[in-house]
């Protein structure tokens, strides 16, 4: 996997593994086919769990924040 400037090496070795990227792309495609923004789909999936009382958003950009609104 190509290094991304500003990302910690641990993230590149764990969260950004090829199989995780493929899973995220498949989920995003699933959401888009249904006319749902992938971010909204992910938040709804988390909040659908009855054991979860809230979602913590890890935003880095204004565009990410706006996608949550």
PDB file of N, CA and C in Angstrom:
ATOM      1  N   UNK A   1       0.845  -1.168   0.000  1.00  0.00           N
ATOM      2  CA  UNK A   1       0.000   0.000   0.000  1.00  0.00           C
ATOM      3  C   UNK A   1       0.896   1.238   0.000  1.00  0.00           C
ATOM      4  N   UNK A   2       0.528   2.194  -0.797  1.00  0.00           N
ATOM      5  CA  UNK A   2       1.297   3.429  -0.923  1.00  0.00           C
ATOM      6  C   UNK A   2       1.147   4.282   0.341  1.00  0.00           C
ATOM      7  N   UNK A   3       2.252   4.852   0.783  1.00  0.00           N
ATOM      8  CA  UNK A   3       2.223   5.719   1.964  1.00  0.00           C
ATOM      9  C   UNK A   3       1.419   6.983   1.664  1.00  0.00           C
ATOM     10  N   UNK A   4       0.658   7.426   2.634  1.00  0.00           N
ATOM     11  CA  UNK A   4      -0.130   8.647   2.517  1.00  0.00           C
ATOM     12  C   UNK A   4       0.470   9.662   3.475  1.00  0.00           C
ATOM     13  N   UNK A   5       0.878  10.843   2.955  1.00  0.00           N
ATOM     14  CA  UNK A   5       1.468  11.847   3.832  1.00  0.00           C
ATOM     15  C   UNK A   5       0.551  12.193   4.997  1.00  0.00           C
ATOM     16  N   UNK A   6       1.121  12.289   6.189  1.00  0.00           N
ATOM     17  CA  UNK A   6       0.368  12.688   7.362  1.00  0.00           C
ATOM     18  C   UNK A   6      -0.282  11.546   8.120  1.00  0.00           C
ATOM     19  N   UNK A   7      -0.243  10.334   7.581  1.00  0.00           N
ATOM     20  CA  UNK A   7      -0.840   9.200   8.296  1.00  0.00           C
ATOM     21  C   UNK A   7       0.242   8.426   9.025  1.00  0.00           C
ATOM     22  N   UNK A   8      -0.051   8.061  10.231  1.00  0.00           N
ATOM     23  CA  UNK A   8       0.870   7.329  11.071  1.00  0.00           C
ATOM     24  C   UNK A   8       1.114   5.936  10.504  1.00  0.00           C
ATOM     25  N   UNK A   9       2.321   5.424  10.663  1.00  0.00           N
ATOM     26  CA  UNK A   9       2.681   4.106  10.141  1.00  0.00           C
ATOM     27  C   UNK A   9       1.744   3.015  10.666  1.00  0.00           C
ATOM     28  N   UNK A  10       1.344   3.093  11.934  1.00  0.00           N
ATOM     29  CA  UNK A  10       0.448   2.082  12.495  1.00  0.00           C
ATOM     30  C   UNK A  10      -0.879   2.030  11.743  1.00  0.00           C
ATOM     31  N   UNK A  11      -1.408   3.201  11.390  1.00  0.00           N
ATOM     32  CA  UNK A  11      -2.654   3.235  10.627  1.00  0.00           C
ATOM     33  C   UNK A  11      -2.482   2.558   9.276  1.00  0.00           C
ATOM     34  N   UNK A  12      -1.353   2.811   8.638  1.00  0.00           N
ATOM     35  CA  UNK A  12      -1.110   2.216   7.327  1.00  0.00           C
ATOM     36  C   UNK A  12      -0.981   0.704   7.428  1.00  0.00           C
ATOM     37  N   UNK A  13      -0.504   0.199   8.553  1.00  0.00           N
ATOM     38  CA  UNK A  13      -0.297  -1.235   8.712  1.00  0.00           C
ATOM     39  C   UNK A  13      -1.517  -1.958   9.268  1.00  0.00           C
ATOM     40  N   UNK A  14      -2.476  -1.214   9.819  1.00  0.00           N
ATOM     41  CA  UNK A  14      -3.639  -1.877  10.423  1.00  0.00           C
ATOM     42  C   UNK A  14      -4.930  -1.481   9.710  1.00  0.00           C
ATOM     43  N   UNK A  15      -5.407  -0.294   9.921  1.00  0.00           N
ATOM     44  CA  UNK A  15      -6.689   0.120   9.362  1.00  0.00           C
ATOM     45  C   UNK A  15      -6.681   0.199   7.843  1.00  0.00           C
ATOM     46  N   UNK A  16      -5.570   0.577   7.248  1.00  0.00           N
ATOM     47  CA  UNK A  16      -5.517   0.778   5.803  1.00  0.00           C
ATOM     48  C   UNK A  16      -4.960  -0.431   5.052  1.00  0.00           C
ATOM     49  N   UNK A  17      -5.282  -1.612   5.521  1.00  0.00           N
ATOM     50  CA  UNK A  17      -4.888  -2.831   4.808  1.00  0.00           C
ATOM     51  C   UNK A  17      -5.786  -2.984   3.585  1.00  0.00           C
ATOM     52  N   UNK A  18      -5.292  -3.627   2.533  1.00  0.00           N
ATOM     53  CA  UNK A  18      -6.084  -3.774   1.298  1.00  0.00           C
ATOM     54  C   UNK A  18      -7.467  -4.385   1.527  1.00  0.00           C
ATOM     55  N   UNK A  19      -7.576  -5.388   2.395  1.00  0.00           N
ATOM     56  CA  UNK A  19      -8.879  -6.013   2.609  1.00  0.00           C
ATOM     57  C   UNK A  19      -9.858  -5.056   3.291  1.00  0.00           C
ATOM     58  N   UNK A  20      -9.360  -4.152   4.130  1.00  0.00           N
ATOM     59  CA  UNK A  20     -10.236  -3.155   4.758  1.00  0.00           C
ATOM     60  C   UNK A  20     -10.708  -2.127   3.734  1.00  0.00           C
ATOM     61  N   UNK A  21      -9.811  -1.722   2.852  1.00  0.00           N
ATOM     62  CA  UNK A  21     -10.169  -0.773   1.794  1.00  0.00           C
ATOM     63  C   UNK A  21     -11.217  -1.389   0.880  1.00  0.00           C
ATOM     64  N   UNK A  22     -11.048  -2.664   0.518  1.00  0.00           N
ATOM     65  CA  UNK A  22     -12.020  -3.355  -0.335  1.00  0.00           C
ATOM     66  C   UNK A  22     -13.385  -3.437   0.351  1.00  0.00           C
ATOM     67  N   UNK A  23     -13.396  -3.740   1.639  1.00  0.00           N
ATOM     68  CA  UNK A  23     -14.661  -3.812   2.373  1.00  0.00           C
ATOM     69  C   UNK A  23     -15.337  -2.437   2.408  1.00  0.00           C
ATOM     70  N   UNK A  24     -14.572  -1.392   2.658  1.00  0.00           N
ATOM     71  CA  UNK A  24     -15.131  -0.035   2.698  1.00  0.00           C
ATOM     72  C   UNK A  24     -15.693   0.358   1.337  1.00  0.00           C
ATOM     73  N   UNK A  25     -14.995  -0.003   0.267  1.00  0.00           N
ATOM     74  CA  UNK A  25     -15.477   0.313  -1.082  1.00  0.00           C
ATOM     75  C   UNK A  25     -16.769  -0.441  -1.384  1.00  0.00           C
ATOM     76  N   UNK A  26     -16.861  -1.699  -0.951  1.00  0.00           N
ATOM     77  CA  UNK A  26     -18.076  -2.491  -1.175  1.00  0.00           C
ATOM     78  C   UNK A  26     -19.254  -1.903  -0.406  1.00  0.00           C
ATOM     79  N   UNK A  27     -19.024  -1.485   0.837  1.00  0.00           N
ATOM     80  CA  UNK A  27     -20.091  -0.885   1.645  1.00  0.00           C
ATOM     81  C   UNK A  27     -20.528   0.441   1.035  1.00  0.00           C
ATOM     82  N   UNK A  28     -19.565   1.250   0.578  1.00  0.00           N
ATOM     83  CA  UNK A  28     -19.905   2.535  -0.052  1.00  0.00           C
ATOM     84  C   UNK A  28     -20.723   2.306  -1.320  1.00  0.00           C
ATOM     85  N   UNK A  29     -20.358   1.310  -2.118  1.00  0.00           N
ATOM     86  CA  UNK A  29     -21.112   1.003  -3.334  1.00  0.00           C
ATOM     87  C   UNK A  29     -22.533   0.549  -2.985  1.00  0.00           C
ATOM     88  N   UNK A  30     -22.659  -0.259  -1.945  1.00  0.00           N
ATOM     89  CA  UNK A  30     -23.968  -0.728  -1.478  1.00  0.00           C
ATOM     90  C   UNK A  30     -24.853   0.462  -1.094  1.00  0.00           C
ATOM     91  N   UNK A  31     -24.291   1.390  -0.343  1.00  0.00           N
ATOM     92  CA  UNK A  31     -25.051   2.566   0.090  1.00  0.00           C
ATOM     93  C   UNK A  31     -25.441   3.424  -1.112  1.00  0.00           C
ATOM     94  N   UNK A  32     -24.494   3.668  -2.007  1.00  0.00           N
ATOM     95  CA  UNK A  32     -24.761   4.524  -3.170  1.00  0.00           C
ATOM     96  C   UNK A  32     -25.831   3.929  -4.072  1.00  0.00           C
ATOM     97  N   UNK A  33     -25.856   2.595  -4.212  1.00  0.00           N
ATOM     98  CA  UNK A  33     -26.886   1.941  -5.023  1.00  0.00           C
ATOM     99  C   UNK A  33     -28.276   2.223  -4.477  1.00  0.00           C
ATOM    100  N   UNK A  34     -28.362   2.437  -3.208  1.00  0.00           N
ATOM    101  CA  UNK A  34     -29.637   2.703  -2.560  1.00  0.00           C
ATOM    102  C   UNK A  34     -29.903   4.196  -2.386  1.00  0.00           C
ATOM    103  N   UNK A  35     -29.028   5.013  -2.967  1.00  0.00           N
ATOM    104  CA  UNK A  35     -29.215   6.458  -2.909  1.00  0.00           C
ATOM    105  C   UNK A  35     -28.889   7.075  -1.569  1.00  0.00           C
ATOM    106  N   UNK A  36     -28.032   6.400  -0.790  1.00  0.00           N
ATOM    107  CA  UNK A  36     -27.671   6.873   0.541  1.00  0.00           C
ATOM    108  C   UNK A  36     -26.197   7.271   0.545  1.00  0.00           C
ATOM    109  N   UNK A  37     -25.905   8.389   1.173  1.00  0.00           N
ATOM    110  CA  UNK A  37     -24.515   8.801   1.334  1.00  0.00           C
ATOM    111  C   UNK A  37     -23.798   7.759   2.194  1.00  0.00           C
ATOM    112  N   UNK A  38     -22.605   7.304   1.804  1.00  0.00           N
ATOM    113  CA  UNK A  38     -21.894   6.296   2.598  1.00  0.00           C
ATOM    114  C   UNK A  38     -21.661   6.693   4.056  1.00  0.00           C
ATOM    115  N   UNK A  39     -21.423   7.966   4.312  1.00  0.00           N
ATOM    116  CA  UNK A  39     -21.232   8.417   5.695  1.00  0.00           C
ATOM    117  C   UNK A  39     -22.527   8.264   6.484  1.00  0.00           C
ATOM    118  N   UNK A  40     -23.635   8.670   5.895  1.00  0.00           N
ATOM    119  CA  UNK A  40     -24.928   8.535   6.574  1.00  0.00           C
ATOM    120  C   UNK A  40     -25.252   7.063   6.809  1.00  0.00           C
ATOM    121  N   UNK A  41     -24.937   6.228   5.848  1.00  0.00           N
ATOM    122  CA  UNK A  41     -25.163   4.789   5.978  1.00  0.00           C
ATOM    123  C   UNK A  41     -24.369   4.233   7.162  1.00  0.00           C
ATOM    124  N   UNK A  42     -23.097   4.624   7.258  1.00  0.00           N
ATOM    125  CA  UNK A  42     -22.240   4.120   8.336  1.00  0.00           C
ATOM    126  C   UNK A  42     -22.731   4.569   9.706  1.00  0.00           C
ATOM    127  N   UNK A  43     -23.110   5.829   9.820  1.00  0.00           N
ATOM    128  CA  UNK A  43     -23.603   6.345  11.102  1.00  0.00           C
ATOM    129  C   UNK A  43     -24.920   5.657  11.475  1.00  0.00           C
ATOM    130  N   UNK A  44     -25.807   5.471  10.497  1.00  0.00           N
ATOM    131  CA  UNK A  44     -27.074   4.786  10.765  1.00  0.00           C
ATOM    132  C   UNK A  44     -26.833   3.352  11.209  1.00  0.00           C
ATOM    133  N   UNK A  45     -25.856   2.690  10.600  1.00  0.00           N
ATOM    134  CA  UNK A  45     -25.532   1.308  10.970  1.00  0.00           C
ATOM    135  C   UNK A  45     -25.067   1.249  12.425  1.00  0.00           C
ATOM    136  N   UNK A  46     -24.218   2.173  12.812  1.00  0.00           N
ATOM    137  CA  UNK A  46     -23.726   2.213  14.198  1.00  0.00           C
ATOM    138  C   UNK A  46     -24.882   2.481  15.158  1.00  0.00           C
ATOM    139  N   UNK A  47     -25.713   3.469  14.836  1.00  0.00           N
ATOM    140  CA  UNK A  47     -26.803   3.845  15.734  1.00  0.00           C
ATOM    141  C   UNK A  47     -27.935   2.822  15.770  1.00  0.00           C
ATOM    142  N   UNK A  48     -27.990   1.920  14.800  1.00  0.00           N
ATOM    143  CA  UNK A  48     -29.014   0.866  14.795  1.00  0.00           C
ATOM    144  C   UNK A  48     -28.728  -0.200  15.846  1.00  0.00           C
ATOM    145  N   UNK A  49     -27.507  -0.224  16.361  1.00  0.00           N
ATOM    146  CA  UNK A  49     -27.147  -1.178  17.401  1.00  0.00           C
ATOM    147  C   UNK A  49     -27.776  -0.710  18.711  1.00  0.00           C
ATOM    148  N   UNK A  50     -28.642  -1.535  19.319  1.00  0.00           N
ATOM    149  CA  UNK A  50     -29.319  -1.093  20.544  1.00  0.00           C
ATOM    150  C   UNK A  50     -28.381  -0.859  21.731  1.00  0.00           C
ATOM    151  N   UNK A  51     -27.180  -1.350  21.655  1.00  0.00           N
ATOM    152  CA  UNK A  51     -26.220  -1.134  22.744  1.00  0.00           C
ATOM    153  C   UNK A  51     -25.465   0.180  22.604  1.00  0.00           C
ATOM    154  N   UNK A  52     -25.643   0.855  21.476  1.00  0.00           N
ATOM    155  CA  UNK A  52     -24.941   2.111  21.206  1.00  0.00           C
ATOM    156  C   UNK A  52     -25.878   3.275  21.490  1.00  0.00           C
ATOM    157  N   UNK A  53     -25.407   4.247  22.261  1.00  0.00           N
ATOM    158  CA  UNK A  53     -26.231   5.415  22.580  1.00  0.00           C
ATOM    159  C   UNK A  53     -25.820   6.656  21.802  1.00  0.00           C
ATOM    160  N   UNK A  54     -24.703   6.599  21.108  1.00  0.00           N
ATOM    161  CA  UNK A  54     -24.249   7.747  20.323  1.00  0.00           C
ATOM    162  C   UNK A  54     -23.056   7.366  19.474  1.00  0.00           C
ATOM    163  N   UNK A  55     -22.791   8.161  18.471  1.00  0.00           N
ATOM    164  CA  UNK A  55     -21.651   7.931  17.589  1.00  0.00           C
ATOM    165  C   UNK A  55     -20.658   9.083  17.765  1.00  0.00           C
ATOM    166  N   UNK A  56     -19.399   8.743  17.854  1.00  0.00           N
ATOM    167  CA  UNK A  56     -18.350   9.753  17.952  1.00  0.00           C
ATOM    168  C   UNK A  56     -17.736   9.909  16.574  1.00  0.00           C
ATOM    169  N   UNK A  57     -17.831  11.106  16.036  1.00  0.00           N
ATOM    170  CA  UNK A  57     -17.318  11.367  14.694  1.00  0.00           C
ATOM    171  C   UNK A  57     -15.875  11.850  14.777  1.00  0.00           C
ATOM    172  N   UNK A  58     -15.015  11.263  13.987  1.00  0.00           N
ATOM    173  CA  UNK A  58     -13.612  11.674  13.930  1.00  0.00           C
ATOM    174  C   UNK A  58     -13.365  12.477  12.665  1.00  0.00           C
ATOM    175  N   UNK A  59     -13.691  13.735  12.722  1.00  0.00           N
ATOM    176  CA  UNK A  59     -13.614  14.594  11.540  1.00  0.00           C
ATOM    177  C   UNK A  59     -12.248  15.256  11.427  1.00  0.00           C
ATOM    178  N   UNK A  60     -11.803  15.411  10.185  1.00  0.00           N
ATOM    179  CA  UNK A  60     -10.541  16.110   9.937  1.00  0.00           C
ATOM    180  C   UNK A  60     -10.716  17.322   9.041  1.00  0.00           C
ATOM    181  N   UNK A  61     -11.819  17.361   8.296  1.00  0.00           N
ATOM    182  CA  UNK A  61     -12.008  18.464   7.353  1.00  0.00           C
ATOM    183  C   UNK A  61     -13.414  19.033   7.467  1.00  0.00           C
ATOM    184  N   UNK A  62     -13.605  20.232   6.931  1.00  0.00           N
ATOM    185  CA  UNK A  62     -14.922  20.849   6.900  1.00  0.00           C
ATOM    186  C   UNK A  62     -15.877  20.008   6.048  1.00  0.00           C
ATOM    187  N   UNK A  63     -15.395  19.457   4.959  1.00  0.00           N
ATOM    188  CA  UNK A  63     -16.240  18.629   4.094  1.00  0.00           C
ATOM    189  C   UNK A  63     -16.758  17.408   4.846  1.00  0.00           C
ATOM    190  N   UNK A  64     -15.928  16.810   5.685  1.00  0.00           N
ATOM    191  CA  UNK A  64     -16.376  15.677   6.481  1.00  0.00           C
ATOM    192  C   UNK A  64     -17.456  16.117   7.464  1.00  0.00           C
ATOM    193  N   UNK A  65     -17.274  17.251   8.098  1.00  0.00           N
ATOM    194  CA  UNK A  65     -18.275  17.766   9.029  1.00  0.00           C
ATOM    195  C   UNK A  65     -19.597  18.001   8.299  1.00  0.00           C
ATOM    196  N   UNK A  66     -19.534  18.628   7.135  1.00  0.00           N
ATOM    197  CA  UNK A  66     -20.754  18.925   6.387  1.00  0.00           C
ATOM    198  C   UNK A  66     -21.471  17.652   5.953  1.00  0.00           C
ATOM    199  N   UNK A  67     -20.732  16.570   5.726  1.00  0.00           N
ATOM    200  CA  UNK A  67     -21.380  15.320   5.332  1.00  0.00           C
ATOM    201  C   UNK A  67     -22.189  14.721   6.462  1.00  0.00           C
ATOM    202  N   UNK A  68     -21.897  15.099   7.701  1.00  0.00           N
ATOM    203  CA  UNK A  68     -22.640  14.606   8.848  1.00  0.00           C
ATOM    204  C   UNK A  68     -23.927  15.383   9.087  1.00  0.00           C
ATOM    205  N   UNK A  69     -24.024  16.576   8.524  1.00  0.00           N
ATOM    206  CA  UNK A  69     -25.201  17.424   8.775  1.00  0.00           C
ATOM    207  C   UNK A  69     -26.375  17.048   7.914  1.00  0.00           C
TER     208      UNK A  69
END
